[in-house]
Amino acid sequence: MIGPITQPSEVVAGLILEGELRIVGRSTPPKTPDVRDLARWLQPPTGQHPWPASVKGTTLDRFNRDKEPVALTLVDPLVVEVSADTAWSSRSFRHPLRLLRARPELSPTDIILPEGLKLAEQ
């Protein structure tokens, strides 16, 4: 996520692709009530996190011209429900996602690549 753990300004979304939790997009800034609800589920990582502490802007948004590093606030992976445009650019969503709610009852391994989204051919 981006921003403080107590007040995230954007959610960095990931999906397990080819056995790894990979960044597939980011959200628009969530509304204040959604921020409060999300923050209560966020915990610092208990082990090694699969993502680095900062990434290029193009990692979060393939069409972002800003290549400057973006600092990530690493947390234990948490499943969140999002609304997404179906535009998919082989390994990420083309447009920002919209946070709907946290789904702490699910594990990231419970989530499968949505039908219709295909990985790019190697």
PDB file of N, CA and C in Angstrom:
ATOM      1  N   MET A   1       0.839  -1.170   0.000  1.00  0.00           N
ATOM      2  CA  MET A   1       0.000   0.000   0.000  1.00  0.00           C
ATOM      3  C   MET A   1       0.883   1.231   0.000  1.00  0.00           C
ATOM      4  N   ILE A   2       0.277   2.355  -0.231  1.00  0.00           N
ATOM      5  CA  ILE A   2       0.999   3.618  -0.235  1.00  0.00           C
ATOM      6  C   ILE A   2       0.413   4.468   0.882  1.00  0.00           C
ATOM      7  N   GLY A   3       1.288   5.098   1.654  1.00  0.00           N
ATOM      8  CA  GLY A   3       0.864   5.922   2.772  1.00  0.00           C
ATOM      9  C   GLY A   3       1.055   5.198   4.086  1.00  0.00           C
ATOM     10  N   PRO A   4       0.768   5.882   5.196  1.00  0.00           N
ATOM     11  CA  PRO A   4       0.961   5.265   6.511  1.00  0.00           C
ATOM     12  C   PRO A   4       0.013   4.087   6.735  1.00  0.00           C
ATOM     13  N   ILE A   5       0.443   3.136   7.531  1.00  0.00           N
ATOM     14  CA  ILE A   5      -0.357   1.938   7.796  1.00  0.00           C
ATOM     15  C   ILE A   5      -1.693   2.297   8.442  1.00  0.00           C
ATOM     16  N   THR A   6      -1.738   3.403   9.184  1.00  0.00           N
ATOM     17  CA  THR A   6      -2.976   3.824   9.845  1.00  0.00           C
ATOM     18  C   THR A   6      -3.891   4.642   8.939  1.00  0.00           C
ATOM     19  N   GLN A   7      -3.369   5.080   7.786  1.00  0.00           N
ATOM     20  CA  GLN A   7      -4.167   5.903   6.880  1.00  0.00           C
ATOM     21  C   GLN A   7      -3.682   5.729   5.441  1.00  0.00           C
ATOM     22  N   PRO A   8      -3.906   4.543   4.864  1.00  0.00           N
ATOM     23  CA  PRO A   8      -3.420   4.311   3.505  1.00  0.00           C
ATOM     24  C   PRO A   8      -4.052   5.254   2.497  1.00  0.00           C
ATOM     25  N   SER A   9      -3.232   5.753   1.565  1.00  0.00           N
ATOM     26  CA  SER A   9      -3.757   6.659   0.542  1.00  0.00           C
ATOM     27  C   SER A   9      -4.077   5.929  -0.756  1.00  0.00           C
ATOM     28  N   GLU A  10      -3.472   4.749  -0.958  1.00  0.00           N
ATOM     29  CA  GLU A  10      -3.776   3.916  -2.118  1.00  0.00           C
ATOM     30  C   GLU A  10      -3.475   2.470  -1.738  1.00  0.00           C
ATOM     31  N   VAL A  11      -4.215   1.564  -2.335  1.00  0.00           N
ATOM     32  CA  VAL A  11      -3.962   0.138  -2.153  1.00  0.00           C
ATOM     33  C   VAL A  11      -3.139  -0.343  -3.342  1.00  0.00           C
ATOM     34  N   VAL A  12      -2.081  -1.073  -3.064  1.00  0.00           N
ATOM     35  CA  VAL A  12      -1.302  -1.711  -4.124  1.00  0.00           C
ATOM     36  C   VAL A  12      -1.813  -3.140  -4.203  1.00  0.00           C
ATOM     37  N   ALA A  13      -2.346  -3.491  -5.366  1.00  0.00           N
ATOM     38  CA  ALA A  13      -2.997  -4.793  -5.534  1.00  0.00           C
ATOM     39  C   ALA A  13      -2.031  -5.812  -6.114  1.00  0.00           C
ATOM     40  N   GLY A  14      -2.193  -7.044  -5.654  1.00  0.00           N
ATOM     41  CA  GLY A  14      -1.382  -8.132  -6.172  1.00  0.00           C
ATOM     42  C   GLY A  14      -2.227  -9.361  -6.419  1.00  0.00           C
ATOM     43  N   LEU A  15      -1.745 -10.195  -7.295  1.00  0.00           N
ATOM     44  CA  LEU A  15      -2.334 -11.509  -7.544  1.00  0.00           C
ATOM     45  C   LEU A  15      -1.192 -12.512  -7.585  1.00  0.00           C
ATOM     46  N   ILE A  16      -1.487 -13.742  -7.212  1.00  0.00           N
ATOM     47  CA  ILE A  16      -0.482 -14.768  -7.328  1.00  0.00           C
ATOM     48  C   ILE A  16      -0.447 -15.201  -8.787  1.00  0.00           C
ATOM     49  N   LEU A  17       0.664 -14.904  -9.436  1.00  0.00           N
ATOM     50  CA  LEU A  17       0.883 -15.241 -10.835  1.00  0.00           C
ATOM     51  C   LEU A  17       2.132 -16.103 -10.915  1.00  0.00           C
ATOM     52  N   GLU A  18       1.994 -17.262 -11.507  1.00  0.00           N
ATOM     53  CA  GLU A  18       3.119 -18.185 -11.651  1.00  0.00           C
ATOM     54  C   GLU A  18       3.807 -18.437 -10.304  1.00  0.00           C
ATOM     55  N   GLY A  19       2.993 -18.583  -9.261  1.00  0.00           N
ATOM     56  CA  GLY A  19       3.496 -18.925  -7.937  1.00  0.00           C
ATOM     57  C   GLY A  19       4.038 -17.785  -7.104  1.00  0.00           C
ATOM     58  N   GLU A  20       4.017 -16.553  -7.618  1.00  0.00           N
ATOM     59  CA  GLU A  20       4.525 -15.399  -6.864  1.00  0.00           C
ATOM     60  C   GLU A  20       3.439 -14.340  -6.726  1.00  0.00           C
ATOM     61  N   LEU A  21       3.441 -13.644  -5.577  1.00  0.00           N
ATOM     62  CA  LEU A  21       2.520 -12.527  -5.385  1.00  0.00           C
ATOM     63  C   LEU A  21       3.100 -11.327  -6.132  1.00  0.00           C
ATOM     64  N   ARG A  22       2.457 -10.959  -7.229  1.00  0.00           N
ATOM     65  CA  ARG A  22       2.970  -9.885  -8.080  1.00  0.00           C
ATOM     66  C   ARG A  22       2.042  -8.686  -8.060  1.00  0.00           C
ATOM     67  N   ILE A  23       2.630  -7.516  -8.174  1.00  0.00           N
ATOM     68  CA  ILE A  23       1.858  -6.275  -8.244  1.00  0.00           C
ATOM     69  C   ILE A  23       1.126  -6.230  -9.582  1.00  0.00           C
ATOM     70  N   VAL A  24      -0.192  -5.968  -9.515  1.00  0.00           N
ATOM     71  CA  VAL A  24      -0.997  -5.897 -10.738  1.00  0.00           C
ATOM     72  C   VAL A  24      -1.744  -4.570 -10.883  1.00  0.00           C
ATOM     73  N   GLY A  25      -1.495  -3.627  -9.968  1.00  0.00           N
ATOM     74  CA  GLY A  25      -2.143  -2.327 -10.079  1.00  0.00           C
ATOM     75  C   GLY A  25      -2.244  -1.624  -8.750  1.00  0.00           C
ATOM     76  N   ARG A  26      -2.883  -0.495  -8.792  1.00  0.00           N
ATOM     77  CA  ARG A  26      -3.134   0.265  -7.569  1.00  0.00           C
ATOM     78  C   ARG A  26      -4.510   0.882  -7.637  1.00  0.00           C
ATOM     79  N   SER A  27      -4.977   1.278  -6.469  1.00  0.00           N
ATOM     80  CA  SER A  27      -6.328   1.832  -6.389  1.00  0.00           C
ATOM     81  C   SER A  27      -6.313   3.348  -6.496  1.00  0.00           C
ATOM     82  N   THR A  28      -7.487   3.876  -6.709  1.00  0.00           N
ATOM     83  CA  THR A  28      -7.703   5.305  -6.532  1.00  0.00           C
ATOM     84  C   THR A  28      -7.669   5.552  -5.024  1.00  0.00           C
ATOM     85  N   PRO A  29      -7.523   6.787  -4.579  1.00  0.00           N
ATOM     86  CA  PRO A  29      -7.557   7.032  -3.137  1.00  0.00           C
ATOM     87  C   PRO A  29      -8.906   6.600  -2.549  1.00  0.00           C
ATOM     88  N   PRO A  30      -8.877   5.760  -1.507  1.00  0.00           N
ATOM     89  CA  PRO A  30     -10.145   5.315  -0.912  1.00  0.00           C
ATOM     90  C   PRO A  30     -10.827   6.436  -0.127  1.00  0.00           C
ATOM     91  N   LYS A  31     -12.130   6.286   0.035  1.00  0.00           N
ATOM     92  CA  LYS A  31     -12.899   7.238   0.839  1.00  0.00           C
ATOM     93  C   LYS A  31     -12.557   7.048   2.309  1.00  0.00           C
ATOM     94  N   THR A  32     -12.738   8.084   3.109  1.00  0.00           N
ATOM     95  CA  THR A  32     -12.359   8.061   4.526  1.00  0.00           C
ATOM     96  C   THR A  32     -12.933   6.870   5.294  1.00  0.00           C
ATOM     97  N   PRO A  33     -14.216   6.546   5.168  1.00  0.00           N
ATOM     98  CA  PRO A  33     -14.719   5.376   5.906  1.00  0.00           C
ATOM     99  C   PRO A  33     -14.024   4.078   5.480  1.00  0.00           C
ATOM    100  N   ASP A  34     -13.709   3.963   4.192  1.00  0.00           N
ATOM    101  CA  ASP A  34     -13.018   2.772   3.694  1.00  0.00           C
ATOM    102  C   ASP A  34     -11.593   2.708   4.234  1.00  0.00           C
ATOM    103  N   VAL A  35     -10.945   3.860   4.363  1.00  0.00           N
ATOM    104  CA  VAL A  35      -9.593   3.920   4.922  1.00  0.00           C
ATOM    105  C   VAL A  35      -9.602   3.414   6.357  1.00  0.00           C
ATOM    106  N   ARG A  36     -10.556   3.879   7.144  1.00  0.00           N
ATOM    107  CA  ARG A  36     -10.643   3.443   8.549  1.00  0.00           C
ATOM    108  C   ARG A  36     -10.882   1.941   8.647  1.00  0.00           C
ATOM    109  N   ASP A  37     -11.778   1.426   7.816  1.00  0.00           N
ATOM    110  CA  ASP A  37     -12.061   0.000   7.851  1.00  0.00           C
ATOM    111  C   ASP A  37     -10.843  -0.809   7.426  1.00  0.00           C
ATOM    112  N   LEU A  38     -10.184  -0.398   6.361  1.00  0.00           N
ATOM    113  CA  LEU A  38      -9.004  -1.111   5.875  1.00  0.00           C
ATOM    114  C   LEU A  38      -7.877  -1.077   6.905  1.00  0.00           C
ATOM    115  N   ALA A  39      -7.627   0.079   7.482  1.00  0.00           N
ATOM    116  CA  ALA A  39      -6.500   0.247   8.416  1.00  0.00           C
ATOM    117  C   ALA A  39      -6.599  -0.696   9.609  1.00  0.00           C
ATOM    118  N   ARG A  40      -7.781  -1.040  10.038  1.00  0.00           N
ATOM    119  CA  ARG A  40      -7.902  -1.923  11.211  1.00  0.00           C
ATOM    120  C   ARG A  40      -7.424  -3.340  10.918  1.00  0.00           C
ATOM    121  N   TRP A  41      -7.317  -3.713   9.632  1.00  0.00           N
ATOM    122  CA  TRP A  41      -6.859  -5.047   9.251  1.00  0.00           C
ATOM    123  C   TRP A  41      -5.378  -5.090   8.873  1.00  0.00           C
ATOM    124  N   LEU A  42      -4.766  -3.948   8.716  1.00  0.00           N
ATOM    125  CA  LEU A  42      -3.378  -3.901   8.255  1.00  0.00           C
ATOM    126  C   LEU A  42      -2.399  -4.168   9.394  1.00  0.00           C
ATOM    127  N   GLN A  43      -1.433  -5.027   9.114  1.00  0.00           N
ATOM    128  CA  GLN A  43      -0.392  -5.372  10.086  1.00  0.00           C
ATOM    129  C   GLN A  43       0.965  -5.321   9.380  1.00  0.00           C
ATOM    130  N   PRO A  44       2.008  -4.908  10.099  1.00  0.00           N
ATOM    131  CA  PRO A  44       3.342  -4.969   9.495  1.00  0.00           C
ATOM    132  C   PRO A  44       3.655  -6.419   9.109  1.00  0.00           C
ATOM    133  N   PRO A  45       4.501  -6.618   8.115  1.00  0.00           N
ATOM    134  CA  PRO A  45       4.799  -7.988   7.691  1.00  0.00           C
ATOM    135  C   PRO A  45       5.449  -8.794   8.821  1.00  0.00           C
ATOM    136  N   THR A  46       5.011 -10.031   8.970  1.00  0.00           N
ATOM    137  CA  THR A  46       5.561 -10.889  10.018  1.00  0.00           C
ATOM    138  C   THR A  46       6.804 -11.637   9.543  1.00  0.00           C
ATOM    139  N   GLY A  47       7.019 -11.692   8.274  1.00  0.00           N
ATOM    140  CA  GLY A  47       8.197 -12.335   7.698  1.00  0.00           C
ATOM    141  C   GLY A  47       8.708 -11.490   6.554  1.00  0.00           C
ATOM    142  N   GLN A  48       9.485 -12.116   5.688  1.00  0.00           N
ATOM    143  CA  GLN A  48       9.981 -11.395   4.526  1.00  0.00           C
ATOM    144  C   GLN A  48       8.835 -11.147   3.552  1.00  0.00           C
ATOM    145  N   HIS A  49       8.702  -9.916   3.123  1.00  0.00           N
ATOM    146  CA  HIS A  49       7.631  -9.542   2.185  1.00  0.00           C
ATOM    147  C   HIS A  49       8.084  -9.835   0.761  1.00  0.00           C
ATOM    148  N   PRO A  50       7.155 -10.266  -0.110  1.00  0.00           N
ATOM    149  CA  PRO A  50       7.546 -10.577  -1.492  1.00  0.00           C
ATOM    150  C   PRO A  50       7.835  -9.345  -2.356  1.00  0.00           C
ATOM    151  N   TRP A  51       7.542  -8.154  -1.861  1.00  0.00           N
ATOM    152  CA  TRP A  51       7.744  -6.940  -2.649  1.00  0.00           C
ATOM    153  C   TRP A  51       8.840  -6.087  -2.026  1.00  0.00           C
ATOM    154  N   PRO A  52       9.521  -5.276  -2.829  1.00  0.00           N
ATOM    155  CA  PRO A  52      10.534  -4.364  -2.287  1.00  0.00           C
ATOM    156  C   PRO A  52       9.873  -3.166  -1.595  1.00  0.00           C
ATOM    157  N   ALA A  53      10.666  -2.398  -0.876  1.00  0.00           N
ATOM    158  CA  ALA A  53      10.142  -1.227  -0.159  1.00  0.00           C
ATOM    159  C   ALA A  53       9.818  -0.068  -1.093  1.00  0.00           C
ATOM    160  N   SER A  54      10.365  -0.084  -2.303  1.00  0.00           N
ATOM    161  CA  SER A  54       9.996   0.935  -3.289  1.00  0.00           C
ATOM    162  C   SER A  54      10.034   0.307  -4.680  1.00  0.00           C
ATOM    163  N   VAL A  55       9.202   0.858  -5.558  1.00  0.00           N
ATOM    164  CA  VAL A  55       9.101   0.372  -6.936  1.00  0.00           C
ATOM    165  C   VAL A  55       9.020   1.570  -7.874  1.00  0.00           C
ATOM    166  N   LYS A  56       9.310   1.346  -9.149  1.00  0.00           N
ATOM    167  CA  LYS A  56       9.129   2.399 -10.146  1.00  0.00           C
ATOM    168  C   LYS A  56       7.639   2.669 -10.312  1.00  0.00           C
ATOM    169  N   GLY A  57       7.301   3.900 -10.654  1.00  0.00           N
ATOM    170  CA  GLY A  57       5.906   4.241 -10.902  1.00  0.00           C
ATOM    171  C   GLY A  57       5.281   3.368 -11.965  1.00  0.00           C
ATOM    172  N   THR A  58       6.074   2.934 -12.941  1.00  0.00           N
ATOM    173  CA  THR A  58       5.554   2.091 -14.018  1.00  0.00           C
ATOM    174  C   THR A  58       5.214   0.680 -13.537  1.00  0.00           C
ATOM    175  N   THR A  59       5.727   0.272 -12.389  1.00  0.00           N
ATOM    176  CA  THR A  59       5.365  -1.031 -11.826  1.00  0.00           C
ATOM    177  C   THR A  59       3.915  -1.008 -11.352  1.00  0.00           C
ATOM    178  N   LEU A  60       3.477   0.129 -10.839  1.00  0.00           N
ATOM    179  CA  LEU A  60       2.118   0.271 -10.319  1.00  0.00           C
ATOM    180  C   LEU A  60       1.114   0.591 -11.420  1.00  0.00           C
ATOM    181  N   ASP A  61       1.582   1.198 -12.465  1.00  0.00           N
ATOM    182  CA  ASP A  61       0.713   1.620 -13.555  1.00  0.00           C
ATOM    183  C   ASP A  61       1.557   1.602 -14.825  1.00  0.00           C
ATOM    184  N   ARG A  62       1.345   0.630 -15.665  1.00  0.00           N
ATOM    185  CA  ARG A  62       2.182   0.445 -16.864  1.00  0.00           C
ATOM    186  C   ARG A  62       2.209   1.679 -17.764  1.00  0.00           C
ATOM    187  N   PHE A  63       1.178   2.509 -17.695  1.00  0.00           N
ATOM    188  CA  PHE A  63       1.099   3.675 -18.564  1.00  0.00           C
ATOM    189  C   PHE A  63       1.530   4.954 -17.858  1.00  0.00           C
ATOM    190  N   ASN A  64       2.085   4.823 -16.671  1.00  0.00           N
ATOM    191  CA  ASN A  64       2.575   5.949 -15.907  1.00  0.00           C
ATOM    192  C   ASN A  64       3.903   6.397 -16.510  1.00  0.00           C
ATOM    193  N   ARG A  65       4.004   7.635 -16.849  1.00  0.00           N
ATOM    194  CA  ARG A  65       5.261   8.148 -17.401  1.00  0.00           C
ATOM    195  C   ARG A  65       6.279   8.425 -16.310  1.00  0.00           C
ATOM    196  N   ASP A  66       5.825   8.502 -15.066  1.00  0.00           N
ATOM    197  CA  ASP A  66       6.706   8.792 -13.937  1.00  0.00           C
ATOM    198  C   ASP A  66       7.465   7.529 -13.546  1.00  0.00           C
ATOM    199  N   LYS A  67       8.748   7.523 -13.778  1.00  0.00           N
ATOM    200  CA  LYS A  67       9.564   6.362 -13.451  1.00  0.00           C
ATOM    201  C   LYS A  67      10.239   6.514 -12.097  1.00  0.00           C
ATOM    202  N   GLU A  68       9.937   7.606 -11.407  1.00  0.00           N
ATOM    203  CA  GLU A  68      10.530   7.835 -10.090  1.00  0.00           C
ATOM    204  C   GLU A  68      10.068   6.747  -9.121  1.00  0.00           C
ATOM    205  N   PRO A  69      10.913   6.388  -8.164  1.00  0.00           N
ATOM    206  CA  PRO A  69      10.518   5.363  -7.184  1.00  0.00           C
ATOM    207  C   PRO A  69       9.312   5.800  -6.345  1.00  0.00           C
ATOM    208  N   VAL A  70       8.464   4.844  -6.048  1.00  0.00           N
ATOM    209  CA  VAL A  70       7.305   5.053  -5.185  1.00  0.00           C
ATOM    210  C   VAL A  70       7.529   4.184  -3.947  1.00  0.00           C
ATOM    211  N   ALA A  71       7.485   4.804  -2.766  1.00  0.00           N
ATOM    212  CA  ALA A  71       7.671   4.056  -1.516  1.00  0.00           C
ATOM    213  C   ALA A  71       6.416   3.258  -1.206  1.00  0.00           C
ATOM    214  N   LEU A  72       6.611   1.996  -0.867  1.00  0.00           N
ATOM    215  CA  LEU A  72       5.502   1.140  -0.459  1.00  0.00           C
ATOM    216  C   LEU A  72       5.549   0.949   1.048  1.00  0.00           C
ATOM    217  N   THR A  73       4.389   0.910   1.666  1.00  0.00           N
ATOM    218  CA  THR A  73       4.284   0.524   3.063  1.00  0.00           C
ATOM    219  C   THR A  73       3.945  -0.958   3.043  1.00  0.00           C
ATOM    220  N   LEU A  74       4.918  -1.779   3.413  1.00  0.00           N
ATOM    221  CA  LEU A  74       4.730  -3.225   3.342  1.00  0.00           C
ATOM    222  C   LEU A  74       3.907  -3.700   4.527  1.00  0.00           C
ATOM    223  N   VAL A  75       2.913  -4.527   4.227  1.00  0.00           N
ATOM    224  CA  VAL A  75       2.024  -5.093   5.247  1.00  0.00           C
ATOM    225  C   VAL A  75       1.871  -6.582   4.965  1.00  0.00           C
ATOM    226  N   ASP A  76       1.389  -7.322   5.961  1.00  0.00           N
ATOM    227  CA  ASP A  76       1.047  -8.717   5.697  1.00  0.00           C
ATOM    228  C   ASP A  76       0.014  -8.728   4.578  1.00  0.00           C
ATOM    229  N   PRO A  77       0.188  -9.584   3.580  1.00  0.00           N
ATOM    230  CA  PRO A  77      -0.797  -9.620   2.489  1.00  0.00           C
ATOM    231  C   PRO A  77      -2.220  -9.805   3.022  1.00  0.00           C
ATOM    232  N   LEU A  78      -3.111  -8.980   2.527  1.00  0.00           N
ATOM    233  CA  LEU A  78      -4.511  -8.970   2.933  1.00  0.00           C
ATOM    234  C   LEU A  78      -5.362  -8.961   1.673  1.00  0.00           C
ATOM    235  N   VAL A  79      -6.329  -9.831   1.602  1.00  0.00           N
ATOM    236  CA  VAL A  79      -7.230  -9.847   0.455  1.00  0.00           C
ATOM    237  C   VAL A  79      -8.203  -8.679   0.582  1.00  0.00           C
ATOM    238  N   VAL A  80      -8.341  -7.933  -0.512  1.00  0.00           N
ATOM    239  CA  VAL A  80      -9.338  -6.868  -0.576  1.00  0.00           C
ATOM    240  C   VAL A  80     -10.169  -7.079  -1.828  1.00  0.00           C
ATOM    241  N   GLU A  81     -11.411  -6.698  -1.739  1.00  0.00           N
ATOM    242  CA  GLU A  81     -12.305  -6.749  -2.892  1.00  0.00           C
ATOM    243  C   GLU A  81     -12.222  -5.403  -3.593  1.00  0.00           C
ATOM    244  N   VAL A  82     -12.062  -5.441  -4.907  1.00  0.00           N
ATOM    245  CA  VAL A  82     -11.948  -4.209  -5.679  1.00  0.00           C
ATOM    246  C   VAL A  82     -12.899  -4.247  -6.865  1.00  0.00           C
ATOM    247  N   SER A  83     -13.172  -3.077  -7.377  1.00  0.00           N
ATOM    248  CA  SER A  83     -13.888  -2.940  -8.638  1.00  0.00           C
ATOM    249  C   SER A  83     -12.833  -2.572  -9.666  1.00  0.00           C
ATOM    250  N   ALA A  84     -12.809  -3.319 -10.772  1.00  0.00           N
ATOM    251  CA  ALA A  84     -11.770  -3.096 -11.774  1.00  0.00           C
ATOM    252  C   ALA A  84     -12.362  -3.039 -13.163  1.00  0.00           C
ATOM    253  N   ASP A  85     -11.836  -2.151 -13.973  1.00  0.00           N
ATOM    254  CA  ASP A  85     -12.133  -2.153 -15.392  1.00  0.00           C
ATOM    255  C   ASP A  85     -11.506  -3.435 -15.944  1.00  0.00           C
ATOM    256  N   THR A  86     -12.120  -4.046 -16.905  1.00  0.00           N
ATOM    257  CA  THR A  86     -11.590  -5.308 -17.409  1.00  0.00           C
ATOM    258  C   THR A  86     -10.372  -5.146 -18.312  1.00  0.00           C
ATOM    259  N   ALA A  87      -9.965  -3.911 -18.589  1.00  0.00           N
ATOM    260  CA  ALA A  87      -8.781  -3.708 -19.429  1.00  0.00           C
ATOM    261  C   ALA A  87      -7.554  -4.240 -18.691  1.00  0.00           C
ATOM    262  N   TRP A  88      -6.894  -5.191 -19.311  1.00  0.00           N
ATOM    263  CA  TRP A  88      -5.765  -5.912 -18.719  1.00  0.00           C
ATOM    264  C   TRP A  88      -4.622  -5.854 -19.717  1.00  0.00           C
ATOM    265  N   SER A  89      -3.454  -5.449 -19.272  1.00  0.00           N
ATOM    266  CA  SER A  89      -2.322  -5.329 -20.201  1.00  0.00           C
ATOM    267  C   SER A  89      -1.306  -6.439 -19.958  1.00  0.00           C
ATOM    268  N   SER A  90      -1.736  -7.646 -20.031  1.00  0.00           N
ATOM    269  CA  SER A  90      -0.942  -8.875 -19.950  1.00  0.00           C
ATOM    270  C   SER A  90      -0.470  -9.254 -18.556  1.00  0.00           C
ATOM    271  N   ARG A  91      -0.173  -8.328 -17.682  1.00  0.00           N
ATOM    272  CA  ARG A  91       0.251  -8.651 -16.316  1.00  0.00           C
ATOM    273  C   ARG A  91      -0.226  -7.625 -15.295  1.00  0.00           C
ATOM    274  N   SER A  92      -1.068  -6.702 -15.714  1.00  0.00           N
ATOM    275  CA  SER A  92      -1.580  -5.702 -14.773  1.00  0.00           C
ATOM    276  C   SER A  92      -2.852  -5.070 -15.325  1.00  0.00           C
ATOM    277  N   PHE A  93      -3.589  -4.443 -14.422  1.00  0.00           N
ATOM    278  CA  PHE A  93      -4.773  -3.699 -14.833  1.00  0.00           C
ATOM    279  C   PHE A  93      -4.318  -2.383 -15.448  1.00  0.00           C
ATOM    280  N   ARG A  94      -4.977  -1.963 -16.513  1.00  0.00           N
ATOM    281  CA  ARG A  94      -4.601  -0.728 -17.186  1.00  0.00           C
ATOM    282  C   ARG A  94      -5.077   0.508 -16.447  1.00  0.00           C
ATOM    283  N   HIS A  95      -6.165   0.366 -15.687  1.00  0.00           N
ATOM    284  CA  HIS A  95      -6.763   1.521 -15.024  1.00  0.00           C
ATOM    285  C   HIS A  95      -6.762   1.305 -13.515  1.00  0.00           C
ATOM    286  N   PRO A  96      -6.812   2.396 -12.744  1.00  0.00           N
ATOM    287  CA  PRO A  96      -6.835   2.244 -11.287  1.00  0.00           C
ATOM    288  C   PRO A  96      -8.040   1.423 -10.822  1.00  0.00           C
ATOM    289  N   LEU A  97      -7.832   0.724  -9.738  1.00  0.00           N
ATOM    290  CA  LEU A  97      -8.877  -0.086  -9.116  1.00  0.00           C
ATOM    291  C   LEU A  97      -9.610   0.764  -8.094  1.00  0.00           C
ATOM    292  N   ARG A  98     -10.790   0.328  -7.701  1.00  0.00           N
ATOM    293  CA  ARG A  98     -11.526   1.021  -6.636  1.00  0.00           C
ATOM    294  C   ARG A  98     -11.732   0.030  -5.502  1.00  0.00           C
ATOM    295  N   LEU A  99     -11.243   0.396  -4.327  1.00  0.00           N
ATOM    296  CA  LEU A  99     -11.388  -0.445  -3.147  1.00  0.00           C
ATOM    297  C   LEU A  99     -12.856  -0.551  -2.754  1.00  0.00           C
ATOM    298  N   LEU A 100     -13.319  -1.785  -2.545  1.00  0.00           N
ATOM    299  CA  LEU A 100     -14.688  -1.996  -2.071  1.00  0.00           C
ATOM    300  C   LEU A 100     -14.693  -2.358  -0.587  1.00  0.00           C
ATOM    301  N   ARG A 101     -13.860  -3.352  -0.209  1.00  0.00           N
ATOM    302  CA  ARG A 101     -13.809  -3.740   1.208  1.00  0.00           C
ATOM    303  C   ARG A 101     -12.679  -4.736   1.433  1.00  0.00           C
ATOM    304  N   ALA A 102     -12.277  -4.824   2.688  1.00  0.00           N
ATOM    305  CA  ALA A 102     -11.296  -5.830   3.094  1.00  0.00           C
ATOM    306  C   ALA A 102     -12.005  -7.173   3.211  1.00  0.00           C
ATOM    307  N   ARG A 103     -11.286  -8.243   2.897  1.00  0.00           N
ATOM    308  CA  ARG A 103     -11.823  -9.601   2.999  1.00  0.00           C
ATOM    309  C   ARG A 103     -10.859 -10.449   3.851  1.00  0.00           C
ATOM    310  N   PRO A 104     -10.748 -10.131   5.151  1.00  0.00           N
ATOM    311  CA  PRO A 104      -9.770 -10.824   6.000  1.00  0.00           C
ATOM    312  C   PRO A 104     -10.052 -12.312   6.177  1.00  0.00           C
ATOM    313  N   GLU A 105     -11.252 -12.771   5.837  1.00  0.00           N
ATOM    314  CA  GLU A 105     -11.576 -14.190   5.969  1.00  0.00           C
ATOM    315  C   GLU A 105     -10.946 -15.028   4.853  1.00  0.00           C
ATOM    316  N   LEU A 106     -10.401 -14.363   3.834  1.00  0.00           N
ATOM    317  CA  LEU A 106      -9.776 -15.061   2.715  1.00  0.00           C
ATOM    318  C   LEU A 106      -8.254 -14.949   2.792  1.00  0.00           C
ATOM    319  N   SER A 107      -7.587 -15.916   2.183  1.00  0.00           N
ATOM    320  CA  SER A 107      -6.127 -15.911   2.069  1.00  0.00           C
ATOM    321  C   SER A 107      -5.770 -15.567   0.630  1.00  0.00           C
ATOM    322  N   PRO A 108      -4.625 -14.917   0.401  1.00  0.00           N
ATOM    323  CA  PRO A 108      -4.234 -14.645  -0.989  1.00  0.00           C
ATOM    324  C   PRO A 108      -4.201 -15.908  -1.858  1.00  0.00           C
ATOM    325  N   THR A 109      -3.939 -17.052  -1.278  1.00  0.00           N
ATOM    326  CA  THR A 109      -3.917 -18.293  -2.069  1.00  0.00           C
ATOM    327  C   THR A 109      -5.317 -18.744  -2.481  1.00  0.00           C
ATOM    328  N   ASP A 110      -6.365 -18.170  -1.872  1.00  0.00           N
ATOM    329  CA  ASP A 110      -7.744 -18.487  -2.258  1.00  0.00           C
ATOM    330  C   ASP A 110      -8.154 -17.791  -3.557  1.00  0.00           C
ATOM    331  N   ILE A 111      -7.408 -16.781  -3.945  1.00  0.00           N
ATOM    332  CA  ILE A 111      -7.794 -15.943  -5.077  1.00  0.00           C
ATOM    333  C   ILE A 111      -7.159 -16.486  -6.358  1.00  0.00           C
ATOM    334  N   ILE A 112      -7.978 -16.600  -7.390  1.00  0.00           N
ATOM    335  CA  ILE A 112      -7.476 -17.072  -8.679  1.00  0.00           C
ATOM    336  C   ILE A 112      -7.562 -15.935  -9.692  1.00  0.00           C
ATOM    337  N   LEU A 113      -6.774 -16.045 -10.735  1.00  0.00           N
ATOM    338  CA  LEU A 113      -6.795 -15.051 -11.793  1.00  0.00           C
ATOM    339  C   LEU A 113      -8.201 -15.022 -12.386  1.00  0.00           C
ATOM    340  N   PRO A 114      -8.849 -13.871 -12.379  1.00  0.00           N
ATOM    341  CA  PRO A 114     -10.208 -13.800 -12.913  1.00  0.00           C
ATOM    342  C   PRO A 114     -10.276 -14.288 -14.352  1.00  0.00           C
ATOM    343  N   GLU A 115     -11.369 -14.970 -14.669  1.00  0.00           N
ATOM    344  CA  GLU A 115     -11.557 -15.475 -16.026  1.00  0.00           C
ATOM    345  C   GLU A 115     -11.519 -14.305 -17.003  1.00  0.00           C
ATOM    346  N   GLY A 116     -10.898 -14.511 -18.119  1.00  0.00           N
ATOM    347  CA  GLY A 116     -10.793 -13.451 -19.114  1.00  0.00           C
ATOM    348  C   GLY A 116      -9.488 -12.693 -19.041  1.00  0.00           C
ATOM    349  N   LEU A 117      -8.778 -12.804 -17.914  1.00  0.00           N
ATOM    350  CA  LEU A 117      -7.469 -12.162 -17.815  1.00  0.00           C
ATOM    351  C   LEU A 117      -6.413 -13.204 -18.112  1.00  0.00           C
ATOM    352  N   LYS A 118      -5.627 -12.951 -19.090  1.00  0.00           N
ATOM    353  CA  LYS A 118      -4.608 -13.912 -19.496  1.00  0.00           C
ATOM    354  C   LYS A 118      -3.230 -13.308 -19.296  1.00  0.00           C
ATOM    355  N   LEU A 119      -2.277 -14.159 -18.931  1.00  0.00           N
ATOM    356  CA  LEU A 119      -0.896 -13.726 -18.820  1.00  0.00           C
ATOM    357  C   LEU A 119      -0.302 -13.566 -20.204  1.00  0.00           C
ATOM    358  N   ALA A 120       0.651 -12.663 -20.315  1.00  0.00           N
ATOM    359  CA  ALA A 120       1.340 -12.483 -21.596  1.00  0.00           C
ATOM    360  C   ALA A 120       2.157 -13.728 -21.906  1.00  0.00           C
ATOM    361  N   GLU A 121       2.252 -14.019 -23.167  1.00  0.00           N
ATOM    362  CA  GLU A 121       3.100 -15.129 -23.594  1.00  0.00           C
ATOM    363  C   GLU A 121       4.546 -14.745 -23.373  1.00  0.00           C
ATOM    364  N   GLN A 122       5.319 -15.660 -22.885  1.00  0.00           N
ATOM    365  CA  GLN A 122       6.737 -15.399 -22.609  1.00  0.00           C
ATOM    366  C   GLN A 122       7.537 -15.517 -23.884  1.00  0.00           C
TER     367      GLN A 122
END
